[in-house]
Amino acid sequence: MIHQSEFSIGNTVQVIDHDEHPSEWATFVITDYRNNFYLLSGIDKSPCEVFWAMSNEICLIRVELMT
């Protein structure tokens, strides 16, 4: 069985931090995927920060399109 993730390269995500309010979570872009880990690159507070995270450590940011 093939597991299809809800995340894709290019998605904007936030890293879940249970010690912070969700409005304080850092924002990242998924730049790679390997062995159930996602490579995240910072885009707000730390644009040079890059690290690997599992899917249960991140959440997708919903982008609402304006019409």
C-alpha atoms as a PDB file:
ATOM      1  CA  MET A   1       0.000   0.000   0.000  1.00  0.00           C
ATOM      2  CA  ILE A   2       1.330   3.463  -0.902  1.00  0.00           C
ATOM      3  CA  HIS A   3       0.843   6.188   1.677  1.00  0.00           C
ATOM      4  CA  GLN A   4       0.031   9.559   0.127  1.00  0.00           C
ATOM      5  CA  SER A   5       0.974  12.511   2.288  1.00  0.00           C
ATOM      6  CA  GLU A   6      -1.049  15.652   2.677  1.00  0.00           C
ATOM      7  CA  PHE A   7       2.190  17.615   2.197  1.00  0.00           C
ATOM      8  CA  SER A   8       4.066  18.341  -1.029  1.00  0.00           C
ATOM      9  CA  ILE A   9       7.278  20.076  -1.990  1.00  0.00           C
ATOM     10  CA  GLY A  10       6.535  23.788  -2.166  1.00  0.00           C
ATOM     11  CA  ASN A  11       3.851  23.735   0.560  1.00  0.00           C
ATOM     12  CA  THR A  12       4.035  26.406   3.230  1.00  0.00           C
ATOM     13  CA  VAL A  13       3.872  24.845   6.701  1.00  0.00           C
ATOM     14  CA  GLN A  14       4.330  25.736  10.340  1.00  0.00           C
ATOM     15  CA  VAL A  15       6.263  23.725  12.897  1.00  0.00           C
ATOM     16  CA  ILE A  16       4.048  22.700  15.805  1.00  0.00           C
ATOM     17  CA  ASP A  17       5.397  23.920  19.133  1.00  0.00           C
ATOM     18  CA  HIS A  18       3.236  22.926  22.092  1.00  0.00           C
ATOM     19  CA  ASP A  19       4.900  25.596  24.257  1.00  0.00           C
ATOM     20  CA  GLU A  20       3.788  28.447  21.991  1.00  0.00           C
ATOM     21  CA  HIS A  21       0.507  29.822  20.709  1.00  0.00           C
ATOM     22  CA  PRO A  22      -0.074  28.821  17.042  1.00  0.00           C
ATOM     23  CA  SER A  23       0.240  32.484  16.011  1.00  0.00           C
ATOM     24  CA  GLU A  24       3.888  32.314  17.164  1.00  0.00           C
ATOM     25  CA  TRP A  25       4.847  29.173  15.216  1.00  0.00           C
ATOM     26  CA  ALA A  26       7.622  29.622  12.652  1.00  0.00           C
ATOM     27  CA  THR A  27       6.755  29.352   8.958  1.00  0.00           C
ATOM     28  CA  PHE A  28       8.690  27.196   6.486  1.00  0.00           C
ATOM     29  CA  VAL A  29       8.544  25.872   2.920  1.00  0.00           C
ATOM     30  CA  ILE A  30       8.945  22.153   2.188  1.00  0.00           C
ATOM     31  CA  THR A  31      11.923  21.819  -0.147  1.00  0.00           C
ATOM     32  CA  ASP A  32      12.495  18.040  -0.161  1.00  0.00           C
ATOM     33  CA  TYR A  33      11.034  14.742   1.056  1.00  0.00           C
ATOM     34  CA  ARG A  34      12.962  11.600   2.012  1.00  0.00           C
ATOM     35  CA  ASN A  35      12.166   8.536   4.114  1.00  0.00           C
ATOM     36  CA  ASN A  36       9.091  10.068   5.796  1.00  0.00           C
ATOM     37  CA  PHE A  37      10.923  13.315   6.606  1.00  0.00           C
ATOM     38  CA  TYR A  38      10.408  16.760   5.093  1.00  0.00           C
ATOM     39  CA  LEU A  39      13.220  19.239   4.556  1.00  0.00           C
ATOM     40  CA  LEU A  40      12.030  22.647   5.722  1.00  0.00           C
ATOM     41  CA  SER A  41      13.526  26.005   4.785  1.00  0.00           C
ATOM     42  CA  GLY A  42      12.680  29.055   6.897  1.00  0.00           C
ATOM     43  CA  ILE A  43      10.864  31.976   5.317  1.00  0.00           C
ATOM     44  CA  ASP A  44      10.019  34.305   8.188  1.00  0.00           C
ATOM     45  CA  LYS A  45      11.994  34.616  11.435  1.00  0.00           C
ATOM     46  CA  SER A  46      14.997  32.544  10.285  1.00  0.00           C
ATOM     47  CA  PRO A  47      15.230  32.435   6.477  1.00  0.00           C
ATOM     48  CA  CYS A  48      18.589  30.605   6.618  1.00  0.00           C
ATOM     49  CA  GLU A  49      17.287  27.881   8.946  1.00  0.00           C
ATOM     50  CA  VAL A  50      16.982  24.452   7.300  1.00  0.00           C
ATOM     51  CA  PHE A  51      16.109  21.167   9.023  1.00  0.00           C
ATOM     52  CA  TRP A  52      14.237  17.873   8.666  1.00  0.00           C
ATOM     53  CA  ALA A  53      10.846  17.252  10.331  1.00  0.00           C
ATOM     54  CA  MET A  54       8.284  14.451  10.412  1.00  0.00           C
ATOM     55  CA  SER A  55       4.712  14.983   9.199  1.00  0.00           C
ATOM     56  CA  ASN A  56       3.335  14.942  12.758  1.00  0.00           C
ATOM     57  CA  GLU A  57       5.577  17.920  13.627  1.00  0.00           C
ATOM     58  CA  ILE A  58       4.202  20.266  10.965  1.00  0.00           C
ATOM     59  CA  CYS A  59       0.851  21.625   9.823  1.00  0.00           C
ATOM     60  CA  LEU A  60      -0.180  22.990   6.453  1.00  0.00           C
ATOM     61  CA  ILE A  61      -0.973  26.689   6.238  1.00  0.00           C
ATOM     62  CA  ARG A  62      -4.227  27.275   4.470  1.00  0.00           C
ATOM     63  CA  VAL A  63      -4.021  29.911   1.795  1.00  0.00           C
ATOM     64  CA  GLU A  64      -7.311  31.532   0.898  1.00  0.00           C
ATOM     65  CA  LEU A  65      -7.550  32.919  -2.589  1.00  0.00           C
ATOM     66  CA  MET A  66      -9.149  36.288  -3.027  1.00  0.00           C
ATOM     67  CA  THR A  67     -11.568  36.631  -5.922  1.00  0.00           C
END
